[in-house]
């Protein structure tokens, strides 16, 4: 992985992830093949912050029913990024 935008796909916008932002914890959907070190470097480069640690979670597909057919959602990888004290990502703040 070379590009930061290829690693960090999008932030997770949910009630829980927004409430954790006040504690310096941010959640992103990342590329399925990326490692914790790549995610840490990408967040540090894109947002100019110091990352304390990174947790990753695979989100497995769920069954969805559309009329009389079944399909599955795609597999994703979530990264929960904890920042050092005093740092925050202003571009992700929702007021």
N, C-alpha and C. Protein backbone atom coordinates (compact mmCIF):
# COMPACT_ATOMS: atom_id res chain seq x y z
N UNK A 1 0.84 -1.18 0.00
CA UNK A 1 0.00 0.00 0.00
C UNK A 1 0.88 1.24 0.00
N UNK A 2 0.63 2.13 -0.93
CA UNK A 2 1.46 3.31 -1.00
C UNK A 2 0.70 4.60 -0.72
N UNK A 3 -0.51 4.69 -1.15
CA UNK A 3 -1.27 5.92 -1.01
C UNK A 3 -2.14 5.88 0.24
N UNK A 4 -2.20 7.02 0.94
CA UNK A 4 -3.03 7.09 2.15
C UNK A 4 -4.51 6.98 1.83
N UNK A 5 -4.92 7.51 0.69
CA UNK A 5 -6.32 7.46 0.31
C UNK A 5 -6.76 6.05 -0.08
N UNK A 6 -5.80 5.20 -0.46
CA UNK A 6 -6.13 3.81 -0.75
C UNK A 6 -6.30 3.01 0.53
N UNK A 7 -5.67 3.44 1.61
CA UNK A 7 -5.77 2.74 2.88
C UNK A 7 -7.00 3.19 3.65
N UNK A 8 -7.14 4.50 3.88
CA UNK A 8 -8.30 5.04 4.59
C UNK A 8 -9.40 5.31 3.58
N UNK A 9 -10.45 4.50 3.57
CA UNK A 9 -11.51 4.65 2.59
C UNK A 9 -12.51 5.72 3.00
N UNK A 10 -13.01 5.65 4.26
CA UNK A 10 -13.96 6.66 4.73
C UNK A 10 -14.10 6.54 6.24
N UNK A 11 -14.52 7.62 6.90
CA UNK A 11 -14.79 7.53 8.34
C UNK A 11 -16.14 6.87 8.59
N UNK A 12 -16.28 6.27 9.75
CA UNK A 12 -17.56 5.68 10.15
C UNK A 12 -18.37 6.76 10.85
N UNK A 13 -19.57 7.02 10.34
CA UNK A 13 -20.44 8.04 10.93
C UNK A 13 -21.61 7.33 11.58
N UNK A 14 -21.49 7.11 12.87
CA UNK A 14 -22.56 6.50 13.65
C UNK A 14 -22.62 7.22 14.99
N UNK A 15 -23.66 6.96 15.73
CA UNK A 15 -23.83 7.62 17.01
C UNK A 15 -22.69 7.26 17.97
N UNK A 16 -22.32 6.01 17.99
CA UNK A 16 -21.26 5.57 18.89
C UNK A 16 -19.90 6.16 18.49
N UNK A 17 -19.58 6.14 17.20
CA UNK A 17 -18.28 6.66 16.78
C UNK A 17 -18.19 8.18 16.97
N UNK A 18 -19.29 8.87 16.82
CA UNK A 18 -19.28 10.32 17.05
C UNK A 18 -19.11 10.65 18.54
N UNK A 19 -19.68 9.85 19.42
CA UNK A 19 -19.52 10.10 20.85
C UNK A 19 -18.10 9.78 21.32
N UNK A 20 -17.42 8.85 20.66
CA UNK A 20 -16.05 8.51 21.03
C UNK A 20 -15.03 9.55 20.58
N UNK A 21 -15.41 10.41 19.64
CA UNK A 21 -14.48 11.42 19.15
C UNK A 21 -14.06 12.40 20.22
N UNK A 22 -14.93 12.65 21.20
CA UNK A 22 -14.56 13.57 22.28
C UNK A 22 -13.45 12.98 23.15
N UNK A 23 -13.28 11.65 23.12
CA UNK A 23 -12.22 10.98 23.88
C UNK A 23 -10.96 10.76 23.04
N UNK A 24 -10.97 11.22 21.79
CA UNK A 24 -9.80 11.05 20.93
C UNK A 24 -9.76 9.72 20.21
N UNK A 25 -10.92 9.08 20.03
CA UNK A 25 -11.01 7.79 19.35
C UNK A 25 -11.79 7.98 18.05
N UNK A 26 -11.17 7.62 16.93
CA UNK A 26 -11.78 7.80 15.61
C UNK A 26 -11.87 6.44 14.92
N UNK A 27 -12.93 6.25 14.14
CA UNK A 27 -13.18 4.98 13.47
C UNK A 27 -13.21 5.20 11.96
N UNK A 28 -12.50 4.33 11.23
CA UNK A 28 -12.42 4.42 9.77
C UNK A 28 -12.69 3.06 9.16
N UNK A 29 -13.27 3.06 7.95
CA UNK A 29 -13.30 1.87 7.11
C UNK A 29 -12.01 1.90 6.30
N UNK A 30 -11.23 0.81 6.37
CA UNK A 30 -9.93 0.78 5.71
C UNK A 30 -9.89 -0.36 4.70
N UNK A 31 -8.85 -0.37 3.89
CA UNK A 31 -8.65 -1.43 2.91
C UNK A 31 -8.49 -2.76 3.62
N UNK A 32 -9.05 -3.81 3.05
CA UNK A 32 -9.07 -5.13 3.70
C UNK A 32 -7.67 -5.70 3.87
N UNK A 33 -6.72 -5.32 3.03
CA UNK A 33 -5.36 -5.85 3.11
C UNK A 33 -4.38 -4.99 3.87
N UNK A 34 -4.84 -3.90 4.47
CA UNK A 34 -3.93 -2.99 5.16
C UNK A 34 -3.61 -3.51 6.57
N UNK A 35 -2.43 -3.14 7.06
CA UNK A 35 -2.01 -3.54 8.39
C UNK A 35 -2.18 -2.38 9.36
N UNK A 36 -2.00 -2.66 10.65
CA UNK A 36 -2.13 -1.62 11.67
C UNK A 36 -1.07 -0.53 11.48
N UNK A 37 0.14 -0.92 11.11
CA UNK A 37 1.21 0.05 10.90
C UNK A 37 0.90 0.97 9.72
N UNK A 38 0.33 0.41 8.65
CA UNK A 38 -0.03 1.22 7.49
C UNK A 38 -1.15 2.20 7.83
N UNK A 39 -2.13 1.75 8.61
CA UNK A 39 -3.23 2.63 9.02
C UNK A 39 -2.69 3.75 9.90
N UNK A 40 -1.82 3.43 10.84
CA UNK A 40 -1.24 4.44 11.73
C UNK A 40 -0.48 5.49 10.93
N UNK A 41 0.35 5.06 9.98
CA UNK A 41 1.11 6.00 9.17
C UNK A 41 0.20 6.86 8.30
N UNK A 42 -0.86 6.26 7.75
CA UNK A 42 -1.78 7.01 6.89
C UNK A 42 -2.52 8.09 7.68
N UNK A 43 -2.97 7.78 8.90
CA UNK A 43 -3.67 8.77 9.72
C UNK A 43 -2.71 9.88 10.12
N UNK A 44 -1.49 9.53 10.49
CA UNK A 44 -0.52 10.54 10.88
C UNK A 44 -0.18 11.46 9.72
N UNK A 45 -0.03 10.92 8.52
CA UNK A 45 0.32 11.72 7.34
C UNK A 45 -0.85 12.60 6.89
N UNK A 46 -2.06 12.05 6.89
CA UNK A 46 -3.21 12.80 6.36
C UNK A 46 -3.67 13.91 7.30
N UNK A 47 -3.66 13.67 8.60
CA UNK A 47 -4.26 14.61 9.54
C UNK A 47 -3.26 15.30 10.46
N UNK A 48 -1.96 14.99 10.35
CA UNK A 48 -0.91 15.60 11.19
C UNK A 48 -1.21 15.46 12.68
N UNK A 49 -1.45 14.25 13.12
CA UNK A 49 -1.73 13.95 14.53
C UNK A 49 -0.79 12.83 14.98
N UNK A 50 -0.69 12.65 16.30
CA UNK A 50 0.09 11.55 16.86
C UNK A 50 -0.86 10.43 17.25
N UNK A 51 -0.63 9.24 16.74
CA UNK A 51 -1.50 8.09 17.00
C UNK A 51 -0.91 7.27 18.14
N UNK A 52 -1.74 6.98 19.13
CA UNK A 52 -1.30 6.16 20.26
C UNK A 52 -1.35 4.68 19.90
N UNK A 53 -2.50 4.19 19.45
CA UNK A 53 -2.60 2.80 19.00
C UNK A 53 -3.77 2.62 18.04
N UNK A 54 -3.78 1.46 17.39
CA UNK A 54 -4.78 1.14 16.37
C UNK A 54 -5.32 -0.26 16.65
N UNK A 55 -6.64 -0.39 16.62
CA UNK A 55 -7.30 -1.69 16.72
C UNK A 55 -8.02 -1.93 15.40
N UNK A 56 -7.96 -3.16 14.89
CA UNK A 56 -8.66 -3.47 13.65
C UNK A 56 -9.68 -4.59 13.89
N UNK A 57 -10.78 -4.52 13.14
CA UNK A 57 -11.86 -5.49 13.25
C UNK A 57 -12.36 -5.80 11.85
N UNK A 58 -12.51 -7.09 11.54
CA UNK A 58 -13.13 -7.46 10.27
C UNK A 58 -14.63 -7.50 10.47
N UNK A 59 -15.36 -6.89 9.55
CA UNK A 59 -16.81 -6.90 9.57
C UNK A 59 -17.26 -7.85 8.47
N UNK A 60 -17.81 -8.98 8.89
CA UNK A 60 -18.20 -10.03 7.95
C UNK A 60 -19.54 -9.72 7.30
N UNK A 61 -19.81 -10.31 6.13
CA UNK A 61 -21.04 -10.00 5.39
C UNK A 61 -22.30 -10.45 6.13
N UNK A 62 -23.37 -9.71 5.88
CA UNK A 62 -24.68 -10.06 6.42
C UNK A 62 -25.61 -10.38 5.25
N UNK A 63 -26.57 -11.25 5.49
CA UNK A 63 -27.55 -11.59 4.47
C UNK A 63 -28.57 -10.46 4.35
N UNK A 64 -28.91 -10.10 3.14
CA UNK A 64 -29.94 -9.11 2.86
C UNK A 64 -30.95 -9.72 1.90
N UNK A 65 -32.21 -9.41 2.12
CA UNK A 65 -33.25 -9.91 1.23
C UNK A 65 -33.78 -8.77 0.39
N UNK A 66 -33.78 -8.95 -0.90
CA UNK A 66 -34.32 -7.98 -1.85
C UNK A 66 -35.39 -8.71 -2.66
N UNK A 67 -36.65 -8.39 -2.37
CA UNK A 67 -37.81 -9.07 -2.95
C UNK A 67 -37.73 -10.56 -2.69
N UNK A 68 -37.52 -11.37 -3.72
CA UNK A 68 -37.49 -12.81 -3.51
C UNK A 68 -36.08 -13.39 -3.65
N UNK A 69 -35.07 -12.55 -3.61
CA UNK A 69 -33.70 -13.02 -3.75
C UNK A 69 -32.87 -12.60 -2.53
N UNK A 70 -31.84 -13.36 -2.25
CA UNK A 70 -30.93 -13.02 -1.15
C UNK A 70 -29.60 -12.55 -1.72
N UNK A 71 -29.00 -11.63 -1.03
CA UNK A 71 -27.66 -11.18 -1.38
C UNK A 71 -26.89 -10.96 -0.08
N UNK A 72 -25.63 -10.63 -0.19
CA UNK A 72 -24.81 -10.38 0.98
C UNK A 72 -24.15 -9.02 0.86
N UNK A 73 -23.92 -8.38 2.02
CA UNK A 73 -23.13 -7.16 2.02
C UNK A 73 -21.67 -7.55 1.83
N UNK A 74 -20.83 -6.60 1.51
CA UNK A 74 -19.43 -6.95 1.27
C UNK A 74 -18.65 -6.98 2.59
N UNK A 75 -17.55 -7.70 2.59
CA UNK A 75 -16.70 -7.79 3.76
C UNK A 75 -15.89 -6.50 3.87
N UNK A 76 -15.74 -5.99 5.09
CA UNK A 76 -15.04 -4.74 5.32
C UNK A 76 -14.09 -4.89 6.49
N UNK A 77 -13.20 -3.92 6.63
CA UNK A 77 -12.29 -3.88 7.76
C UNK A 77 -12.40 -2.50 8.40
N UNK A 78 -12.60 -2.49 9.72
CA UNK A 78 -12.74 -1.26 10.48
C UNK A 78 -11.48 -1.05 11.29
N UNK A 79 -11.01 0.19 11.37
CA UNK A 79 -9.87 0.53 12.21
C UNK A 79 -10.31 1.55 13.24
N UNK A 80 -10.05 1.26 14.50
CA UNK A 80 -10.36 2.17 15.60
C UNK A 80 -9.03 2.79 16.03
N UNK A 81 -8.88 4.08 15.80
CA UNK A 81 -7.62 4.79 16.00
C UNK A 81 -7.72 5.64 17.26
N UNK A 82 -6.79 5.45 18.19
CA UNK A 82 -6.74 6.23 19.43
C UNK A 82 -5.59 7.23 19.29
N UNK A 83 -5.91 8.51 19.47
CA UNK A 83 -4.90 9.56 19.35
C UNK A 83 -4.27 9.88 20.71
N UNK A 84 -3.07 10.46 20.66
CA UNK A 84 -2.41 10.93 21.88
C UNK A 84 -3.23 12.07 22.47
N UNK A 85 -3.04 12.32 23.78
CA UNK A 85 -3.76 13.42 24.44
C UNK A 85 -3.41 14.75 23.80
N UNK A 86 -4.42 15.58 23.64
CA UNK A 86 -4.22 16.91 23.07
C UNK A 86 -4.40 16.98 21.56
N UNK A 87 -4.52 15.87 20.89
CA UNK A 87 -4.72 15.85 19.44
C UNK A 87 -6.17 15.55 19.10
N UNK A 88 -6.63 16.12 18.00
CA UNK A 88 -7.96 15.82 17.48
C UNK A 88 -7.96 16.06 15.98
N UNK A 89 -8.93 15.47 15.30
CA UNK A 89 -9.07 15.64 13.85
C UNK A 89 -10.27 16.56 13.65
N UNK A 90 -9.99 17.81 13.32
CA UNK A 90 -11.03 18.83 13.21
C UNK A 90 -11.93 18.61 11.99
N UNK A 91 -11.40 18.04 10.92
CA UNK A 91 -12.21 17.88 9.71
C UNK A 91 -13.30 16.82 9.86
N UNK A 92 -13.22 15.98 10.89
CA UNK A 92 -14.24 14.95 11.11
C UNK A 92 -15.25 15.33 12.17
N UNK A 93 -15.09 16.48 12.79
CA UNK A 93 -16.02 16.91 13.85
C UNK A 93 -17.36 17.27 13.26
N UNK A 94 -18.42 16.83 13.92
CA UNK A 94 -19.78 17.16 13.51
C UNK A 94 -20.38 18.03 14.60
N UNK A 95 -20.86 19.20 14.23
CA UNK A 95 -21.43 20.11 15.23
C UNK A 95 -22.93 20.07 15.23
